[in-house]
Amino acid sequence: MLQWSALSLLFWLGGFRDISLLLYSLMVVFFFLLLFLSYKYYTQRKLYKHLSEGISSIDEVYQELDYSPLSKAIEQMMVRQHKLYDLELVQLKEKQLEQFIFIDRWIH
């Protein structure tokens, strides 16, 4: 919209007072905007699907998303988060085992 406003102002200052030229430029701007948004959706459709449906299993964390920078960043973040979760789970299991061994030795 900002581009169309700037383009209209440029036409107006250039002496072009024809309204049909302004409407044509509006149509061209919206066409390229639609083209750009379609391209962005097409390149990130797996990411949008993943975000809307959520994760139903651990295997989906390692599912490869699209090749866009945003998709890659989210994919890396999810893998790091899952590794941290696994590490914390192992630490808690070790702590629980230590507590069990301690209680078992002192009771018997």
Protein backbone atom coordinates (compact mmCIF):
# COMPACT_ATOMS: atom_id res chain seq x y z
CA MET A 1 0.00 0.00 0.00
CA LEU A 2 2.88 2.32 0.79
CA GLN A 3 4.42 1.58 -2.60
CA TRP A 4 1.18 2.41 -4.36
CA SER A 5 0.87 5.68 -2.43
CA ALA A 6 4.43 6.62 -3.36
CA LEU A 7 3.84 5.62 -6.98
CA SER A 8 0.60 7.64 -7.11
CA LEU A 9 2.34 10.67 -5.65
CA LEU A 10 5.11 10.30 -8.19
CA PHE A 11 2.58 10.14 -11.05
CA TRP A 12 0.69 13.12 -9.65
CA LEU A 13 3.84 15.22 -9.28
CA GLY A 14 4.96 14.16 -12.75
CA GLY A 15 1.85 15.72 -14.24
CA PHE A 16 -0.09 12.54 -14.98
CA ARG A 17 -3.62 13.37 -13.84
CA ASP A 18 -5.33 10.39 -15.47
CA ILE A 19 -7.15 8.28 -12.86
CA SER A 20 -7.01 5.17 -15.06
CA LEU A 21 -3.21 5.21 -14.86
CA LEU A 22 -3.41 5.31 -11.07
CA LEU A 23 -5.87 2.41 -11.02
CA TYR A 24 -3.66 0.42 -13.38
CA SER A 25 -0.67 0.99 -11.11
CA LEU A 26 -2.78 -0.16 -8.15
CA MET A 27 -3.66 -3.37 -9.99
CA VAL A 28 -0.01 -4.00 -10.87
CA VAL A 29 1.10 -3.44 -7.27
CA PHE A 30 -1.56 -5.82 -5.93
CA PHE A 31 -0.68 -8.41 -8.56
CA PHE A 32 2.97 -8.42 -7.51
CA LEU A 33 1.94 -8.46 -3.84
CA LEU A 34 -0.25 -11.50 -4.50
CA LEU A 35 2.57 -13.13 -6.43
CA PHE A 36 5.03 -12.50 -3.59
CA LEU A 37 2.65 -13.77 -0.89
CA SER A 38 1.90 -16.88 -2.94
CA TYR A 39 5.61 -17.58 -3.29
CA LYS A 40 6.17 -17.11 0.46
CA TYR A 41 3.28 -19.45 1.28
CA TYR A 42 4.49 -22.07 -1.19
CA THR A 43 8.03 -22.03 0.22
CA GLN A 44 6.83 -22.22 3.84
CA ARG A 45 3.72 -24.39 3.59
CA LYS A 46 5.21 -27.27 5.63
CA LEU A 47 6.06 -24.82 8.40
CA TYR A 48 2.52 -23.41 8.43
CA LYS A 49 1.08 -26.93 8.53
CA HIS A 50 3.45 -27.89 11.34
CA LEU A 51 2.51 -24.81 13.36
CA SER A 52 -1.22 -25.22 12.87
CA GLU A 53 -1.36 -28.95 13.66
CA GLY A 54 1.26 -29.09 16.40
CA ILE A 55 3.40 -32.04 17.40
CA SER A 56 1.75 -35.39 18.11
CA SER A 57 4.91 -37.50 18.47
CA ILE A 58 8.59 -37.09 19.22
CA ASP A 59 9.51 -38.16 15.70
CA GLU A 60 7.92 -34.99 14.32
CA VAL A 61 10.58 -32.91 16.07
CA TYR A 62 13.15 -34.27 13.62
CA GLN A 63 10.89 -33.87 10.59
CA GLU A 64 12.51 -31.67 7.97
CA LEU A 65 10.62 -28.48 7.26
CA ASP A 66 10.99 -26.19 4.26
CA TYR A 67 14.19 -24.57 3.04
CA SER A 68 13.35 -21.03 4.11
CA PRO A 69 15.54 -19.42 6.79
CA LEU A 70 12.61 -19.19 9.22
CA SER A 71 11.79 -22.89 8.79
CA LYS A 72 15.41 -23.89 9.30
CA ALA A 73 15.70 -21.73 12.43
CA ILE A 74 12.53 -23.22 13.94
CA GLU A 75 13.69 -26.72 13.03
CA GLN A 76 17.06 -26.16 14.76
CA MET A 77 15.36 -24.66 17.81
CA MET A 78 13.04 -27.67 18.14
CA VAL A 79 15.96 -30.11 17.89
CA ARG A 80 17.95 -28.18 20.54
CA GLN A 81 14.89 -28.05 22.78
CA HIS A 82 14.35 -31.80 22.43
CA LYS A 83 18.02 -32.52 23.25
CA LEU A 84 17.73 -30.35 26.38
CA TYR A 85 14.56 -32.22 27.32
CA ASP A 86 16.32 -35.57 26.92
CA LEU A 87 19.27 -34.37 29.00
CA GLU A 88 17.00 -33.15 31.78
CA LEU A 89 15.06 -36.42 31.69
CA VAL A 90 18.28 -38.44 32.08
CA GLN A 91 19.40 -36.24 34.99
CA LEU A 92 16.07 -36.65 36.76
CA LYS A 93 16.13 -40.43 36.29
CA GLU A 94 19.65 -40.57 37.77
CA LYS A 95 18.57 -38.46 40.72
CA GLN A 96 15.52 -40.66 41.28
CA LEU A 97 17.71 -43.78 41.16
CA GLU A 98 20.11 -42.26 43.73
CA GLN A 99 17.18 -41.47 46.02
CA PHE A 100 15.82 -44.99 45.62
CA ILE A 101 19.21 -46.54 46.42
CA PHE A 102 19.65 -44.26 49.44
CA ILE A 103 16.21 -45.12 50.84
CA ASP A 104 16.68 -48.82 50.12
CA ARG A 105 20.02 -48.93 52.00
CA TRP A 106 18.80 -47.08 55.05
CA ILE A 107 15.58 -49.02 55.43
CA HIS A 108 17.18 -52.48 55.23
